[in-house]
């Protein structure tokens, strides 16, 4: 049987791993969007292809680029 403290610490480790995975996936998505922009010629074209707003594409790319700076 585990203590409440051990369960808490295990849950914290899981949360940290999930947050790291989310950050990595966010970066990978942004890079894919940048590649799509290069391939299709514009963020608007990427947005049309994915059936999402251009603003969403722009926000994801800008957040990634700002993070890299």
N, C-alpha and C. Protein backbone atom coordinates (compact mmCIF):
# COMPACT_ATOMS: atom_id res chain seq x y z
N UNK A 1 0.85 -1.17 0.00
CA UNK A 1 0.00 0.00 0.00
C UNK A 1 0.90 1.25 0.00
N UNK A 2 0.51 2.25 -0.76
CA UNK A 2 1.28 3.48 -0.81
C UNK A 2 0.64 4.54 0.08
N UNK A 3 1.47 5.46 0.50
CA UNK A 3 0.97 6.56 1.33
C UNK A 3 0.38 7.64 0.44
N UNK A 4 -0.36 8.54 1.06
CA UNK A 4 -0.91 9.66 0.31
C UNK A 4 0.22 10.49 -0.28
N UNK A 5 1.33 10.62 0.42
CA UNK A 5 2.47 11.41 -0.05
C UNK A 5 3.10 10.79 -1.30
N UNK A 6 3.25 9.48 -1.29
CA UNK A 6 3.80 8.79 -2.46
C UNK A 6 2.87 8.93 -3.66
N UNK A 7 1.56 8.81 -3.43
CA UNK A 7 0.60 8.98 -4.52
C UNK A 7 0.63 10.40 -5.05
N UNK A 8 0.74 11.37 -4.14
CA UNK A 8 0.83 12.77 -4.55
C UNK A 8 2.07 13.00 -5.40
N UNK A 9 3.21 12.53 -4.93
CA UNK A 9 4.46 12.74 -5.66
C UNK A 9 4.43 12.06 -7.03
N UNK A 10 3.81 10.88 -7.11
CA UNK A 10 3.67 10.19 -8.39
C UNK A 10 2.78 10.99 -9.33
N UNK A 11 1.71 11.55 -8.80
CA UNK A 11 0.81 12.37 -9.62
C UNK A 11 1.50 13.62 -10.12
N UNK A 12 2.32 14.24 -9.29
CA UNK A 12 3.07 15.43 -9.70
C UNK A 12 4.02 15.07 -10.84
N UNK A 13 4.70 13.94 -10.72
CA UNK A 13 5.60 13.50 -11.80
C UNK A 13 4.83 13.27 -13.10
N UNK A 14 3.65 12.68 -13.00
CA UNK A 14 2.82 12.47 -14.19
C UNK A 14 2.39 13.80 -14.81
N UNK A 15 2.01 14.76 -13.96
CA UNK A 15 1.62 16.07 -14.47
C UNK A 15 2.77 16.75 -15.18
N UNK A 16 3.95 16.69 -14.60
CA UNK A 16 5.12 17.31 -15.22
C UNK A 16 5.44 16.66 -16.57
N UNK A 17 5.34 15.35 -16.63
CA UNK A 17 5.59 14.64 -17.88
C UNK A 17 4.54 15.02 -18.93
N UNK A 18 3.29 15.13 -18.52
CA UNK A 18 2.22 15.50 -19.45
C UNK A 18 2.42 16.93 -19.96
N UNK A 19 2.81 17.83 -19.07
CA UNK A 19 3.05 19.21 -19.49
C UNK A 19 4.21 19.30 -20.46
N UNK A 20 5.27 18.53 -20.22
CA UNK A 20 6.40 18.50 -21.13
C UNK A 20 5.99 17.95 -22.49
N UNK A 21 5.20 16.88 -22.48
CA UNK A 21 4.72 16.30 -23.74
C UNK A 21 3.85 17.31 -24.49
N UNK A 22 3.02 18.05 -23.78
CA UNK A 22 2.17 19.08 -24.39
C UNK A 22 3.03 20.17 -25.03
N UNK A 23 4.06 20.63 -24.32
CA UNK A 23 4.95 21.66 -24.87
C UNK A 23 5.65 21.17 -26.13
N UNK A 24 6.12 19.93 -26.11
CA UNK A 24 6.80 19.37 -27.28
C UNK A 24 5.84 19.24 -28.45
N UNK A 25 4.62 18.77 -28.20
CA UNK A 25 3.63 18.63 -29.27
C UNK A 25 3.25 19.99 -29.84
N UNK A 26 3.17 21.00 -28.98
CA UNK A 26 2.85 22.35 -29.43
C UNK A 26 3.93 22.87 -30.36
N UNK A 27 5.19 22.64 -30.00
CA UNK A 27 6.30 23.06 -30.86
C UNK A 27 6.29 22.30 -32.19
N UNK A 28 6.03 21.01 -32.14
CA UNK A 28 5.99 20.19 -33.35
C UNK A 28 4.86 20.66 -34.27
N UNK A 29 3.72 20.98 -33.69
CA UNK A 29 2.58 21.47 -34.47
C UNK A 29 2.93 22.79 -35.14
N UNK A 30 3.54 23.69 -34.39
CA UNK A 30 3.91 24.99 -34.95
C UNK A 30 4.90 24.82 -36.09
N UNK A 31 5.88 23.94 -35.91
CA UNK A 31 6.85 23.71 -36.98
C UNK A 31 6.17 23.13 -38.22
N UNK A 32 5.22 22.23 -38.01
CA UNK A 32 4.46 21.67 -39.13
C UNK A 32 3.67 22.77 -39.85
N UNK A 33 3.10 23.69 -39.08
CA UNK A 33 2.36 24.80 -39.70
C UNK A 33 3.29 25.70 -40.50
N UNK A 34 4.50 25.94 -39.99
CA UNK A 34 5.49 26.73 -40.72
C UNK A 34 5.86 26.01 -42.02
N UNK A 35 6.05 24.70 -41.95
CA UNK A 35 6.36 23.93 -43.15
C UNK A 35 5.19 23.99 -44.14
N UNK A 36 3.97 23.91 -43.62
CA UNK A 36 2.79 24.03 -44.48
C UNK A 36 2.71 25.38 -45.14
N UNK A 37 3.05 26.42 -44.41
CA UNK A 37 3.06 27.77 -44.99
C UNK A 37 4.08 27.85 -46.13
N UNK A 38 5.24 27.26 -45.92
CA UNK A 38 6.26 27.26 -46.97
C UNK A 38 5.79 26.47 -48.20
N UNK A 39 5.12 25.36 -47.96
CA UNK A 39 4.66 24.51 -49.05
C UNK A 39 3.48 25.11 -49.81
N UNK A 40 2.52 25.67 -49.06
CA UNK A 40 1.29 26.15 -49.68
C UNK A 40 1.33 27.63 -50.04
N UNK A 41 2.29 28.35 -49.47
CA UNK A 41 2.48 29.74 -49.86
C UNK A 41 1.92 30.78 -48.91
N UNK A 42 1.05 30.40 -47.99
CA UNK A 42 0.51 31.38 -47.05
C UNK A 42 -0.13 30.68 -45.86
N UNK A 43 -0.27 31.45 -44.79
CA UNK A 43 -0.97 30.94 -43.62
C UNK A 43 -2.45 30.72 -43.95
N UNK A 44 -2.99 31.58 -44.79
CA UNK A 44 -4.40 31.44 -45.17
C UNK A 44 -4.64 30.12 -45.89
N UNK A 45 -3.70 29.72 -46.75
CA UNK A 45 -3.84 28.46 -47.47
C UNK A 45 -3.78 27.27 -46.50
N UNK A 46 -2.90 27.37 -45.52
CA UNK A 46 -2.81 26.31 -44.50
C UNK A 46 -4.13 26.24 -43.73
N UNK A 47 -4.65 27.39 -43.35
CA UNK A 47 -5.90 27.43 -42.60
C UNK A 47 -7.04 26.82 -43.40
N UNK A 48 -7.11 27.15 -44.70
CA UNK A 48 -8.16 26.58 -45.55
C UNK A 48 -8.02 25.06 -45.62
N UNK A 49 -6.78 24.59 -45.79
CA UNK A 49 -6.53 23.15 -45.89
C UNK A 49 -6.96 22.42 -44.62
N UNK A 50 -6.68 23.03 -43.47
CA UNK A 50 -7.00 22.40 -42.18
C UNK A 50 -8.40 22.74 -41.69
N UNK A 51 -9.06 23.66 -42.38
CA UNK A 51 -10.40 24.11 -42.01
C UNK A 51 -10.42 24.72 -40.60
N UNK A 52 -9.44 25.61 -40.38
CA UNK A 52 -9.36 26.37 -39.13
C UNK A 52 -9.17 27.84 -39.51
N UNK A 53 -9.18 28.71 -38.51
CA UNK A 53 -9.00 30.13 -38.82
C UNK A 53 -7.53 30.45 -39.06
N UNK A 54 -7.32 31.46 -39.89
CA UNK A 54 -5.96 31.92 -40.14
C UNK A 54 -5.37 32.51 -38.87
N UNK A 55 -6.22 33.12 -38.05
CA UNK A 55 -5.74 33.70 -36.79
C UNK A 55 -5.16 32.62 -35.88
N UNK A 56 -5.77 31.46 -35.84
CA UNK A 56 -5.24 30.36 -35.04
C UNK A 56 -3.89 29.89 -35.53
N UNK A 57 -3.74 29.83 -36.83
CA UNK A 57 -2.46 29.45 -37.43
C UNK A 57 -1.41 30.49 -37.07
N UNK A 58 -1.77 31.74 -37.24
CA UNK A 58 -0.84 32.84 -36.95
C UNK A 58 -0.42 32.86 -35.49
N UNK A 59 -1.37 32.67 -34.58
CA UNK A 59 -1.04 32.66 -33.15
C UNK A 59 -0.06 31.53 -32.81
N UNK A 60 -0.31 30.36 -33.35
CA UNK A 60 0.57 29.22 -33.07
C UNK A 60 1.98 29.46 -33.59
N UNK A 61 2.07 29.98 -34.81
CA UNK A 61 3.39 30.24 -35.40
C UNK A 61 4.10 31.36 -34.65
N UNK A 62 3.39 32.43 -34.36
CA UNK A 62 4.02 33.55 -33.65
C UNK A 62 4.47 33.17 -32.25
N UNK A 63 3.69 32.39 -31.55
CA UNK A 63 4.08 31.95 -30.21
C UNK A 63 5.36 31.11 -30.28
N UNK A 64 5.44 30.24 -31.27
CA UNK A 64 6.62 29.40 -31.45
C UNK A 64 7.84 30.26 -31.79
N UNK A 65 7.67 31.18 -32.72
CA UNK A 65 8.81 32.04 -33.11
C UNK A 65 9.26 32.92 -31.95
N UNK A 66 8.33 33.44 -31.19
CA UNK A 66 8.69 34.26 -30.03
C UNK A 66 9.42 33.44 -28.98
N UNK A 67 9.03 32.20 -28.83
CA UNK A 67 9.68 31.31 -27.88
C UNK A 67 11.12 31.01 -28.31
N UNK A 68 11.32 30.93 -29.62
CA UNK A 68 12.65 30.63 -30.15
C UNK A 68 13.60 31.81 -30.05
N UNK A 69 13.05 33.02 -30.00
CA UNK A 69 13.87 34.24 -30.00
C UNK A 69 14.54 34.48 -28.66
